[in-house]
């Protein structure tokens, strides 16, 4: 028998607030990432996912139990977890003989899978192995993508978009110089993406602009691209669509130059200079000749516009 789907209304204010929080918002908070362990995982890929979880905190959730899931065969369980925990991004760690040290990154749109990429972790070095100072929790990183393939290849371009979505945190308008502490570098080499993490050090340079040095803090890993499941172009376009309320309406006759100065264009009708009072001082008054010429012009205009009178005298017609 078919299952009848019912809409269950919330019975408390707390439940209503929880439902409203899960609805699409004009200004979204930082996207949450859900970290899931597979039925069989290696210590290497588990530590790798934990390090990425530490970089994402507090915008990440780690599930402790193992789950027998094969994302590229059936992703329903992951979609259910993402909907329940309100996490549009997810990571899935697994390990088997055919695909060792496997890490899957993906995202959902309207509780349905959008993009998913499978990586093989190689040359991994954890955060603990770098005996240097770390960054503070919740720091917004600078994302750097090296390699022309990110621009020329459609698949790599979509993977770059996924990585930006995964690590960018909340969108901000301005960032102070001291707030730039962390750099994540992604370099495309052959079929791999080399992930490197650095801490920014501001050194004295003798000028107002400090000298910048990068110190690697980990984790370090090479991500080999294995399988991909990317959304169709029309679905991806729909996912990137902005609401009408956020679109900036173009104002007519207003523009900005390269320096950011706002410029406006004003349209003025034809000016009747003859009827405008421009003579305010004695020296600018009309001369006698100008007054005579103006009276003559007005009389000619009046004669041209007035109807002619016809007089009949002695059988002759005269004007």
C-alpha atoms as a PDB file:
ATOM      1  CA  UNK A   1       0.000   0.000   0.000  1.00  0.00           C
ATOM      2  CA  UNK A   2       1.273   3.484  -0.701  1.00  0.00           C
ATOM      3  CA  UNK A   3       2.560   5.468   2.250  1.00  0.00           C
ATOM      4  CA  UNK A   4       0.577   8.619   2.907  1.00  0.00           C
ATOM      5  CA  UNK A   5       2.939  11.511   3.667  1.00  0.00           C
ATOM      6  CA  UNK A   6       1.595  13.811   6.341  1.00  0.00           C
ATOM      7  CA  UNK A   7       2.722  17.276   7.376  1.00  0.00           C
ATOM      8  CA  UNK A   8       3.248  17.218  11.131  1.00  0.00           C
ATOM      9  CA  UNK A   9       2.987  20.702  12.631  1.00  0.00           C
ATOM     10  CA  UNK A  10       5.196  21.573  15.621  1.00  0.00           C
ATOM     11  CA  UNK A  11       3.451  21.409  19.000  1.00  0.00           C
ATOM     12  CA  UNK A  12       5.826  23.770  20.859  1.00  0.00           C
ATOM     13  CA  UNK A  13       7.606  27.059  20.268  1.00  0.00           C
ATOM     14  CA  UNK A  14      10.950  25.305  20.523  1.00  0.00           C
ATOM     15  CA  UNK A  15       9.977  22.881  17.740  1.00  0.00           C
ATOM     16  CA  UNK A  16       8.743  25.742  15.584  1.00  0.00           C
ATOM     17  CA  UNK A  17      12.040  27.613  16.019  1.00  0.00           C
ATOM     18  CA  UNK A  18      13.969  24.467  15.086  1.00  0.00           C
ATOM     19  CA  UNK A  19      11.971  24.063  11.861  1.00  0.00           C
ATOM     20  CA  UNK A  20      12.354  27.742  10.939  1.00  0.00           C
ATOM     21  CA  UNK A  21      16.094  27.507  11.547  1.00  0.00           C
ATOM     22  CA  UNK A  22      16.396  24.717   8.973  1.00  0.00           C
ATOM     23  CA  UNK A  23      14.554  26.696   6.299  1.00  0.00           C
ATOM     24  CA  UNK A  24      16.547  28.657   3.689  1.00  0.00           C
ATOM     25  CA  UNK A  25      17.659  32.060   4.963  1.00  0.00           C
ATOM     26  CA  UNK A  26      18.634  35.224   3.103  1.00  0.00           C
ATOM     27  CA  UNK A  27      21.866  35.433   5.087  1.00  0.00           C
ATOM     28  CA  UNK A  28      23.117  31.935   5.870  1.00  0.00           C
ATOM     29  CA  UNK A  29      25.524  31.113   8.683  1.00  0.00           C
ATOM     30  CA  UNK A  30      28.744  29.211   8.069  1.00  0.00           C
ATOM     31  CA  UNK A  31      28.006  25.827   6.496  1.00  0.00           C
ATOM     32  CA  UNK A  32      28.360  22.848   8.804  1.00  0.00           C
ATOM     33  CA  UNK A  33      30.404  19.797   7.787  1.00  0.00           C
ATOM     34  CA  UNK A  34      29.467  16.288   8.895  1.00  0.00           C
ATOM     35  CA  UNK A  35      32.384  13.835   9.379  1.00  0.00           C
ATOM     36  CA  UNK A  36      31.334  10.181   8.990  1.00  0.00           C
ATOM     37  CA  UNK A  37      33.359   6.997   9.510  1.00  0.00           C
ATOM     38  CA  UNK A  38      32.809   3.999   7.281  1.00  0.00           C
ATOM     39  CA  UNK A  39      32.491   0.372   8.372  1.00  0.00           C
ATOM     40  CA  UNK A  40      36.220  -0.151   7.773  1.00  0.00           C
ATOM     41  CA  UNK A  41      38.712   2.695   8.170  1.00  0.00           C
ATOM     42  CA  UNK A  42      42.486   2.879   8.465  1.00  0.00           C
ATOM     43  CA  UNK A  43      44.280   4.874  11.133  1.00  0.00           C
ATOM     44  CA  UNK A  44      45.797   7.117   8.461  1.00  0.00           C
ATOM     45  CA  UNK A  45      42.523   8.248   6.901  1.00  0.00           C
ATOM     46  CA  UNK A  46      40.910   8.574  10.348  1.00  0.00           C
ATOM     47  CA  UNK A  47      43.687  10.897  11.530  1.00  0.00           C
ATOM     48  CA  UNK A  48      43.438  12.800   8.259  1.00  0.00           C
ATOM     49  CA  UNK A  49      39.723  13.422   8.718  1.00  0.00           C
ATOM     50  CA  UNK A  50      40.276  14.421  12.371  1.00  0.00           C
ATOM     51  CA  UNK A  51      42.875  17.007  11.301  1.00  0.00           C
ATOM     52  CA  UNK A  52      40.466  18.479   8.747  1.00  0.00           C
ATOM     53  CA  UNK A  53      37.808  18.437  11.470  1.00  0.00           C
ATOM     54  CA  UNK A  54      40.148  20.441  13.747  1.00  0.00           C
ATOM     55  CA  UNK A  55      40.660  23.003  10.978  1.00  0.00           C
ATOM     56  CA  UNK A  56      36.887  23.284  10.469  1.00  0.00           C
ATOM     57  CA  UNK A  57      35.866  23.631  14.134  1.00  0.00           C
ATOM     58  CA  UNK A  58      33.429  24.903  15.338  1.00  0.00           C
ATOM     59  CA  UNK A  59      31.679  24.494  11.948  1.00  0.00           C
ATOM     60  CA  UNK A  60      31.967  20.693  11.932  1.00  0.00           C
ATOM     61  CA  UNK A  61      30.407  17.667  13.608  1.00  0.00           C
ATOM     62  CA  UNK A  62      32.121  14.301  14.129  1.00  0.00           C
ATOM     63  CA  UNK A  63      30.052  11.105  14.249  1.00  0.00           C
ATOM     64  CA  UNK A  64      31.665   8.540  16.561  1.00  0.00           C
ATOM     65  CA  UNK A  65      29.932   5.343  15.398  1.00  0.00           C
ATOM     66  CA  UNK A  66      30.914   3.475  12.240  1.00  0.00           C
ATOM     67  CA  UNK A  67      28.388   3.244   9.414  1.00  0.00           C
ATOM     68  CA  UNK A  68      28.242   0.625   6.672  1.00  0.00           C
ATOM     69  CA  UNK A  69      27.768   3.059   3.783  1.00  0.00           C
ATOM     70  CA  UNK A  70      29.002   2.979   0.177  1.00  0.00           C
ATOM     71  CA  UNK A  71      28.392   6.536  -1.063  1.00  0.00           C
ATOM     72  CA  UNK A  72      28.831   5.845  -4.793  1.00  0.00           C
ATOM     73  CA  UNK A  73      26.342   2.968  -4.635  1.00  0.00           C
ATOM     74  CA  UNK A  74      23.733   4.394  -2.239  1.00  0.00           C
ATOM     75  CA  UNK A  75      24.001   7.856  -0.715  1.00  0.00           C
ATOM     76  CA  UNK A  76      20.575   7.843   0.963  1.00  0.00           C
ATOM     77  CA  UNK A  77      21.951   7.366   4.504  1.00  0.00           C
ATOM     78  CA  UNK A  78      24.310  10.310   4.138  1.00  0.00           C
ATOM     79  CA  UNK A  79      21.472  12.512   2.839  1.00  0.00           C
ATOM     80  CA  UNK A  80      19.388  11.545   5.878  1.00  0.00           C
ATOM     81  CA  UNK A  81      22.248  12.375   8.278  1.00  0.00           C
ATOM     82  CA  UNK A  82      22.797  15.745   6.576  1.00  0.00           C
ATOM     83  CA  UNK A  83      19.101  16.610   6.784  1.00  0.00           C
ATOM     84  CA  UNK A  84      18.813  15.546  10.422  1.00  0.00           C
ATOM     85  CA  UNK A  85      21.910  17.447  11.576  1.00  0.00           C
ATOM     86  CA  UNK A  86      21.433  20.387   9.164  1.00  0.00           C
ATOM     87  CA  UNK A  87      24.828  19.907   7.494  1.00  0.00           C
ATOM     88  CA  UNK A  88      25.059  20.646   3.747  1.00  0.00           C
ATOM     89  CA  UNK A  89      28.686  19.396   3.595  1.00  0.00           C
ATOM     90  CA  UNK A  90      30.071  15.987   4.505  1.00  0.00           C
ATOM     91  CA  UNK A  91      33.288  13.943   4.661  1.00  0.00           C
ATOM     92  CA  UNK A  92      33.329  10.159   4.591  1.00  0.00           C
ATOM     93  CA  UNK A  93      36.395   8.059   5.507  1.00  0.00           C
ATOM     94  CA  UNK A  94      36.798   4.417   4.457  1.00  0.00           C
ATOM     95  CA  UNK A  95      39.503   1.867   3.649  1.00  0.00           C
ATOM     96  CA  UNK A  96      39.614  -1.340   1.626  1.00  0.00           C
ATOM     97  CA  UNK A  97      42.036  -3.303  -0.506  1.00  0.00           C
ATOM     98  CA  UNK A  98      40.829  -1.850  -3.795  1.00  0.00           C
ATOM     99  CA  UNK A  99      40.741   1.766  -2.575  1.00  0.00           C
ATOM    100  CA  UNK A 100      43.041   2.228   0.435  1.00  0.00           C
ATOM    101  CA  UNK A 101      42.904   5.354   2.628  1.00  0.00           C
ATOM    102  CA  UNK A 102      39.757   6.657   0.954  1.00  0.00           C
ATOM    103  CA  UNK A 103      38.317  10.114   1.727  1.00  0.00           C
ATOM    104  CA  UNK A 104      35.070  11.334   0.124  1.00  0.00           C
ATOM    105  CA  UNK A 105      34.058  15.004   0.167  1.00  0.00           C
ATOM    106  CA  UNK A 106      30.616  16.106  -0.951  1.00  0.00           C
ATOM    107  CA  UNK A 107      27.690  18.470  -0.526  1.00  0.00           C
ATOM    108  CA  UNK A 108      23.916  18.331  -0.750  1.00  0.00           C
ATOM    109  CA  UNK A 109      21.306  20.733  -2.120  1.00  0.00           C
ATOM    110  CA  UNK A 110      17.749  20.606  -0.795  1.00  0.00           C
ATOM    111  CA  UNK A 111      18.631  17.377   1.071  1.00  0.00           C
ATOM    112  CA  UNK A 112      19.737  15.712  -2.194  1.00  0.00           C
ATOM    113  CA  UNK A 113      23.273  14.948  -3.314  1.00  0.00           C
ATOM    114  CA  UNK A 114      24.809  17.692  -5.468  1.00  0.00           C
ATOM    115  CA  UNK A 115      28.535  16.922  -5.862  1.00  0.00           C
ATOM    116  CA  UNK A 116      30.791  14.186  -4.506  1.00  0.00           C
ATOM    117  CA  UNK A 117      34.506  13.524  -5.070  1.00  0.00           C
ATOM    118  CA  UNK A 118      36.562  10.542  -3.892  1.00  0.00           C
ATOM    119  CA  UNK A 119      40.215  11.104  -2.943  1.00  0.00           C
ATOM    120  CA  UNK A 120      43.029   8.745  -2.080  1.00  0.00           C
ATOM    121  CA  UNK A 121      45.209  10.126   0.737  1.00  0.00           C
ATOM    122  CA  UNK A 122      48.974   9.848   0.131  1.00  0.00           C
ATOM    123  CA  UNK A 123      52.130  11.305   1.754  1.00  0.00           C
ATOM    124  CA  UNK A 124      50.151  12.282   4.826  1.00  0.00           C
ATOM    125  CA  UNK A 125      51.753  14.179   7.705  1.00  0.00           C
ATOM    126  CA  UNK A 126      49.507  15.067  10.638  1.00  0.00           C
ATOM    127  CA  UNK A 127      49.173  18.246  12.678  1.00  0.00           C
ATOM    128  CA  UNK A 128      50.948  16.674  15.651  1.00  0.00           C
ATOM    129  CA  UNK A 129      54.094  15.957  13.641  1.00  0.00           C
ATOM    130  CA  UNK A 130      54.672  19.679  13.046  1.00  0.00           C
ATOM    131  CA  UNK A 131      56.202  20.981  16.290  1.00  0.00           C
ATOM    132  CA  UNK A 132      55.293  24.617  15.682  1.00  0.00           C
ATOM    133  CA  UNK A 133      52.679  27.071  16.940  1.00  0.00           C
ATOM    134  CA  UNK A 134      49.142  26.517  15.721  1.00  0.00           C
ATOM    135  CA  UNK A 135      46.355  28.866  14.689  1.00  0.00           C
ATOM    136  CA  UNK A 136      43.381  29.800  16.842  1.00  0.00           C
ATOM    137  CA  UNK A 137      40.103  27.919  16.442  1.00  0.00           C
ATOM    138  CA  UNK A 138      37.609  29.379  13.994  1.00  0.00           C
ATOM    139  CA  UNK A 139      40.155  31.353  11.937  1.00  0.00           C
ATOM    140  CA  UNK A 140      38.998  32.126   8.408  1.00  0.00           C
ATOM    141  CA  UNK A 141      41.665  30.792   6.001  1.00  0.00           C
ATOM    142  CA  UNK A 142      43.029  32.251   2.787  1.00  0.00           C
ATOM    143  CA  UNK A 143      42.447  29.745  -0.043  1.00  0.00           C
ATOM    144  CA  UNK A 144      45.054  29.582  -2.814  1.00  0.00           C
ATOM    145  CA  UNK A 145      44.640  27.422  -5.934  1.00  0.00           C
ATOM    146  CA  UNK A 146      47.749  26.844  -8.033  1.00  0.00           C
ATOM    147  CA  UNK A 147      47.591  25.363 -11.534  1.00  0.00           C
ATOM    148  CA  UNK A 148      45.988  26.302 -14.846  1.00  0.00           C
ATOM    149  CA  UNK A 149      43.969  23.092 -14.811  1.00  0.00           C
ATOM    150  CA  UNK A 150      41.599  24.667 -12.256  1.00  0.00           C
ATOM    151  CA  UNK A 151      40.639  27.197 -14.967  1.00  0.00           C
ATOM    152  CA  UNK A 152      40.780  25.044 -18.093  1.00  0.00           C
ATOM    153  CA  UNK A 153      39.285  21.723 -16.904  1.00  0.00           C
ATOM    154  CA  UNK A 154      35.564  21.493 -16.082  1.00  0.00           C
ATOM    155  CA  UNK A 155      36.011  18.707 -13.516  1.00  0.00           C
ATOM    156  CA  UNK A 156      38.856  20.451 -11.682  1.00  0.00           C
ATOM    157  CA  UNK A 157      36.892  23.707 -11.741  1.00  0.00           C
ATOM    158  CA  UNK A 158      33.953  21.992 -10.025  1.00  0.00           C
ATOM    159  CA  UNK A 159      36.322  20.368  -7.487  1.00  0.00           C
ATOM    160  CA  UNK A 160      37.773  23.820  -6.727  1.00  0.00           C
ATOM    161  CA  UNK A 161      34.252  25.110  -6.137  1.00  0.00           C
ATOM    162  CA  UNK A 162      33.622  22.206  -3.756  1.00  0.00           C
ATOM    163  CA  UNK A 163      36.847  22.884  -1.817  1.00  0.00           C
ATOM    164  CA  UNK A 164      35.981  26.580  -1.513  1.00  0.00           C
ATOM    165  CA  UNK A 165      32.557  25.606  -0.183  1.00  0.00           C
ATOM    166  CA  UNK A 166      34.201  23.186   2.258  1.00  0.00           C
ATOM    167  CA  UNK A 167      36.805  25.513   3.807  1.00  0.00           C
ATOM    168  CA  UNK A 168      35.707  29.141   3.305  1.00  0.00           C
ATOM    169  CA  UNK A 169      33.590  29.496   6.501  1.00  0.00           C
ATOM    170  CA  UNK A 170      31.267  32.526   6.705  1.00  0.00           C
ATOM    171  CA  UNK A 171      31.301  35.310   4.110  1.00  0.00           C
ATOM    172  CA  UNK A 172      32.677  38.628   5.417  1.00  0.00           C
ATOM    173  CA  UNK A 173      32.997  42.056   3.845  1.00  0.00           C
ATOM    174  CA  UNK A 174      36.267  43.171   5.456  1.00  0.00           C
ATOM    175  CA  UNK A 175      39.133  41.424   7.266  1.00  0.00           C
ATOM    176  CA  UNK A 176      41.783  43.243   9.288  1.00  0.00           C
ATOM    177  CA  UNK A 177      45.442  42.479   8.556  1.00  0.00           C
ATOM    178  CA  UNK A 178      46.063  40.836  11.941  1.00  0.00           C
ATOM    179  CA  UNK A 179      43.141  38.489  11.258  1.00  0.00           C
ATOM    180  CA  UNK A 180      44.950  36.843   8.340  1.00  0.00           C
ATOM    181  CA  UNK A 181      46.631  33.950  10.131  1.00  0.00           C
ATOM    182  CA  UNK A 182      45.995  30.835   8.069  1.00  0.00           C
ATOM    183  CA  UNK A 183      46.651  29.819   4.436  1.00  0.00           C
ATOM    184  CA  UNK A 184      45.377  26.673   2.708  1.00  0.00           C
ATOM    185  CA  UNK A 185      47.172  25.958  -0.570  1.00  0.00           C
ATOM    186  CA  UNK A 186      45.829  23.560  -3.221  1.00  0.00           C
ATOM    187  CA  UNK A 187      48.190  22.690  -6.089  1.00  0.00           C
ATOM    188  CA  UNK A 188      47.024  20.616  -9.055  1.00  0.00           C
ATOM    189  CA  UNK A 189      49.681  18.190 -10.346  1.00  0.00           C
ATOM    190  CA  UNK A 190      48.644  15.539 -12.900  1.00  0.00           C
ATOM    191  CA  UNK A 191      45.649  13.800 -11.291  1.00  0.00           C
ATOM    192  CA  UNK A 192      46.453  14.920  -7.727  1.00  0.00           C
ATOM    193  CA  UNK A 193      45.751  17.927  -5.535  1.00  0.00           C
ATOM    194  CA  UNK A 194      48.503  18.768  -3.051  1.00  0.00           C
ATOM    195  CA  UNK A 195      47.081  20.213   0.170  1.00  0.00           C
ATOM    196  CA  UNK A 196      49.395  22.345   2.325  1.00  0.00           C
ATOM    197  CA  UNK A 197      48.591  24.416   5.415  1.00  0.00           C
ATOM    198  CA  UNK A 198      50.605  27.444   6.568  1.00  0.00           C
ATOM    199  CA  UNK A 199      50.552  29.988   9.371  1.00  0.00           C
ATOM    200  CA  UNK A 200      51.172  33.615   8.382  1.00  0.00           C
ATOM    201  CA  UNK A 201      53.886  35.475  10.300  1.00  0.00           C
ATOM    202  CA  UNK A 202      54.062  39.274  10.110  1.00  0.00           C
ATOM    203  CA  UNK A 203      57.685  40.439  10.423  1.00  0.00           C
ATOM    204  CA  UNK A 204      59.152  43.938  10.678  1.00  0.00           C
ATOM    205  CA  UNK A 205      60.106  45.423   7.325  1.00  0.00           C
ATOM    206  CA  UNK A 206      60.997  49.028   8.202  1.00  0.00           C
ATOM    207  CA  UNK A 207      57.837  50.282   6.471  1.00  0.00           C
ATOM    208  CA  UNK A 208      54.124  50.383   7.263  1.00  0.00           C
ATOM    209  CA  UNK A 209      53.600  47.161   5.297  1.00  0.00           C
ATOM    210  CA  UNK A 210      54.986  44.153   7.218  1.00  0.00           C
ATOM    211  CA  UNK A 211      57.076  41.416   5.667  1.00  0.00           C
ATOM    212  CA  UNK A 212      55.129  38.162   5.357  1.00  0.00           C
ATOM    213  CA  UNK A 213      56.554  34.694   5.972  1.00  0.00           C
ATOM    214  CA  UNK A 214      54.761  31.339   5.769  1.00  0.00           C
ATOM    215  CA  UNK A 215      55.401  28.553   8.270  1.00  0.00           C
ATOM    216  CA  UNK A 216      53.968  25.115   7.544  1.00  0.00           C
ATOM    217  CA  UNK A 217      51.813  23.861  10.413  1.00  0.00           C
ATOM    218  CA  UNK A 218      50.109  20.858   8.819  1.00  0.00           C
ATOM    219  CA  UNK A 219      48.340  18.785   7.908  1.00  0.00           C
ATOM    220  CA  UNK A 220      50.127  17.868   4.687  1.00  0.00           C
ATOM    221  CA  UNK A 221      48.623  15.418   2.208  1.00  0.00           C
ATOM    222  CA  UNK A 222      48.393  14.540  -1.473  1.00  0.00           C
ATOM    223  CA  UNK A 223      44.837  13.884  -2.614  1.00  0.00           C
ATOM    224  CA  UNK A 224      44.613  11.560  -5.622  1.00  0.00           C
ATOM    225  CA  UNK A 225      41.331  11.989  -7.511  1.00  0.00           C
ATOM    226  CA  UNK A 226      39.602   8.623  -7.943  1.00  0.00           C
ATOM    227  CA  UNK A 227      35.858   8.814  -8.627  1.00  0.00           C
ATOM    228  CA  UNK A 228      33.616  11.840  -9.083  1.00  0.00           C
ATOM    229  CA  UNK A 229      29.865  12.341  -9.145  1.00  0.00           C
ATOM    230  CA  UNK A 230      29.121  15.902 -10.253  1.00  0.00           C
ATOM    231  CA  UNK A 231      25.746  17.560 -10.680  1.00  0.00           C
ATOM    232  CA  UNK A 232      24.342  18.495 -14.068  1.00  0.00           C
ATOM    233  CA  UNK A 233      24.891  22.058 -15.240  1.00  0.00           C
ATOM    234  CA  UNK A 234      21.229  23.072 -14.860  1.00  0.00           C
ATOM    235  CA  UNK A 235      21.041  21.697 -11.305  1.00  0.00           C
ATOM    236  CA  UNK A 236      24.334  23.377 -10.384  1.00  0.00           C
ATOM    237  CA  UNK A 237      23.040  26.667 -11.817  1.00  0.00           C
ATOM    238  CA  UNK A 238      19.883  26.331  -9.748  1.00  0.00           C
ATOM    239  CA  UNK A 239      21.951  25.683  -6.601  1.00  0.00           C
ATOM    240  CA  UNK A 240      24.005  28.848  -7.233  1.00  0.00           C
ATOM    241  CA  UNK A 241      20.948  31.024  -7.853  1.00  0.00           C
ATOM    242  CA  UNK A 242      20.618  34.000  -5.509  1.00  0.00           C
ATOM    243  CA  UNK A 243      17.266  35.176  -4.142  1.00  0.00           C
ATOM    244  CA  UNK A 244      15.751  38.315  -5.619  1.00  0.00           C
ATOM    245  CA  UNK A 245      16.055  40.177  -2.307  1.00  0.00           C
ATOM    246  CA  UNK A 246      19.873  39.970  -2.448  1.00  0.00           C
ATOM    247  CA  UNK A 247      20.236  41.137  -6.032  1.00  0.00           C
ATOM    248  CA  UNK A 248      21.446  44.725  -6.288  1.00  0.00           C
ATOM    249  CA  UNK A 249      19.078  46.780  -8.433  1.00  0.00           C
ATOM    250  CA  UNK A 250      20.858  48.831 -11.054  1.00  0.00           C
ATOM    251  CA  UNK A 251      20.202  52.564 -10.728  1.00  0.00           C
ATOM    252  CA  UNK A 252      19.945  54.607 -13.876  1.00  0.00           C
ATOM    253  CA  UNK A 253      22.529  57.286 -14.684  1.00  0.00           C
ATOM    254  CA  UNK A 254      24.718  56.356 -11.680  1.00  0.00           C
ATOM    255  CA  UNK A 255      28.206  54.895 -12.106  1.00  0.00           C
ATOM    256  CA  UNK A 256      31.492  54.530 -10.243  1.00  0.00           C
ATOM    257  CA  UNK A 257      34.979  55.251 -11.478  1.00  0.00           C
ATOM    258  CA  UNK A 258      38.145  53.268 -10.733  1.00  0.00           C
ATOM    259  CA  UNK A 259      38.710  55.193  -7.487  1.00  0.00           C
ATOM    260  CA  UNK A 260      35.264  54.278  -6.148  1.00  0.00           C
ATOM    261  CA  UNK A 261      33.757  57.760  -6.545  1.00  0.00           C
ATOM    262  CA  UNK A 262      30.032  57.736  -7.335  1.00  0.00           C
ATOM    263  CA  UNK A 263      29.155  59.766 -10.408  1.00  0.00           C
ATOM    264  CA  UNK A 264      25.655  60.832 -11.484  1.00  0.00           C
ATOM    265  CA  UNK A 265      24.295  62.037 -14.820  1.00  0.00           C
ATOM    266  CA  UNK A 266      21.515  64.655 -14.901  1.00  0.00           C
ATOM    267  CA  UNK A 267      19.343  65.260 -17.972  1.00  0.00           C
ATOM    268  CA  UNK A 268      18.117  68.885 -18.334  1.00  0.00           C
ATOM    269  CA  UNK A 269      15.551  70.083 -20.858  1.00  0.00           C
ATOM    270  CA  UNK A 270      16.113  72.859 -23.418  1.00  0.00           C
ATOM    271  CA  UNK A 271      16.692  76.197 -21.722  1.00  0.00           C
ATOM    272  CA  UNK A 272      14.923  79.327 -23.025  1.00  0.00           C
ATOM    273  CA  UNK A 273      17.707  81.825 -22.670  1.00  0.00           C
ATOM    274  CA  UNK A 274      15.592  84.694 -24.053  1.00  0.00           C
ATOM    275  CA  UNK A 275      13.072  84.447 -21.240  1.00  0.00           C
ATOM    276  CA  UNK A 276      15.605  83.950 -18.425  1.00  0.00           C
ATOM    277  CA  UNK A 277      16.386  87.027 -16.331  1.00  0.00           C
ATOM    278  CA  UNK A 278      20.169  87.282 -16.552  1.00  0.00           C
ATOM    279  CA  UNK A 279      20.704  91.068 -16.275  1.00  0.00           C
ATOM    280  CA  UNK A 280      20.948  91.974 -12.604  1.00  0.00           C
ATOM    281  CA  UNK A 281      23.266  94.999 -12.762  1.00  0.00           C
ATOM    282  CA  UNK A 282      22.990  98.398 -14.399  1.00  0.00           C
ATOM    283  CA  UNK A 283      25.821  97.772 -16.847  1.00  0.00           C
ATOM    284  CA  UNK A 284      24.050  94.713 -18.273  1.00  0.00           C
ATOM    285  CA  UNK A 285      20.749  96.448 -19.102  1.00  0.00           C
ATOM    286  CA  UNK A 286      19.545  96.376 -22.710  1.00  0.00           C
ATOM    287  CA  UNK A 287      20.570  99.295 -24.895  1.00  0.00           C
ATOM    288  CA  UNK A 288      18.107 101.456 -26.849  1.00  0.00           C
ATOM    289  CA  UNK A 289      18.971  99.640 -30.094  1.00  0.00           C
ATOM    290  CA  UNK A 290      18.366  96.255 -28.463  1.00  0.00           C
ATOM    291  CA  UNK A 291      14.980  97.377 -27.125  1.00  0.00           C
ATOM    292  CA  UNK A 292      13.942  98.723 -30.569  1.00  0.00           C
ATOM    293  CA  UNK A 293      15.038  95.474 -32.252  1.00  0.00           C
ATOM    294  CA  UNK A 294      13.084  93.421 -29.712  1.00  0.00           C
ATOM    295  CA  UNK A 295       9.894  95.531 -30.201  1.00  0.00           C
ATOM    296  CA  UNK A 296      10.236  95.201 -33.967  1.00  0.00           C
ATOM    297  CA  UNK A 297      10.689  91.417 -33.716  1.00  0.00           C
ATOM    298  CA  UNK A 298       7.622  91.080 -31.485  1.00  0.00           C
ATOM    299  CA  UNK A 299       5.486  93.194 -33.812  1.00  0.00           C
ATOM    300  CA  UNK A 300       6.517  91.085 -36.817  1.00  0.00           C
ATOM    301  CA  UNK A 301       5.665  87.913 -34.935  1.00  0.00           C
ATOM    302  CA  UNK A 302       2.262  89.346 -33.993  1.00  0.00           C
ATOM    303  CA  UNK A 303       1.506  90.355 -37.616  1.00  0.00           C
ATOM    304  CA  UNK A 304       2.467  86.901 -38.867  1.00  0.00           C
ATOM    305  CA  UNK A 305       0.165  85.156 -36.409  1.00  0.00           C
ATOM    306  CA  UNK A 306      -2.879  87.588 -36.558  1.00  0.00           C
ATOM    307  CA  UNK A 307      -5.591  87.051 -39.321  1.00  0.00           C
ATOM    308  CA  UNK A 308      -5.586  89.493 -42.218  1.00  0.00           C
ATOM    309  CA  UNK A 309      -8.495  91.977 -42.635  1.00  0.00           C
ATOM    310  CA  UNK A 310     -10.044  92.416 -46.115  1.00  0.00           C
ATOM    311  CA  UNK A 311     -11.725  95.761 -47.099  1.00  0.00           C
ATOM    312  CA  UNK A 312     -13.867  96.264 -50.193  1.00  0.00           C
ATOM    313  CA  UNK A 313     -13.906  99.853 -51.544  1.00  0.00           C
ATOM    314  CA  UNK A 314     -15.464 100.940 -54.886  1.00  0.00           C
ATOM    315  CA  UNK A 315     -15.407  97.345 -56.138  1.00  0.00           C
ATOM    316  CA  UNK A 316     -11.712  96.929 -55.342  1.00  0.00           C
ATOM    317  CA  UNK A 317     -10.443  94.487 -52.696  1.00  0.00           C
ATOM    318  CA  UNK A 318      -7.693  95.851 -50.489  1.00  0.00           C
ATOM    319  CA  UNK A 319      -5.907  94.548 -47.385  1.00  0.00           C
END
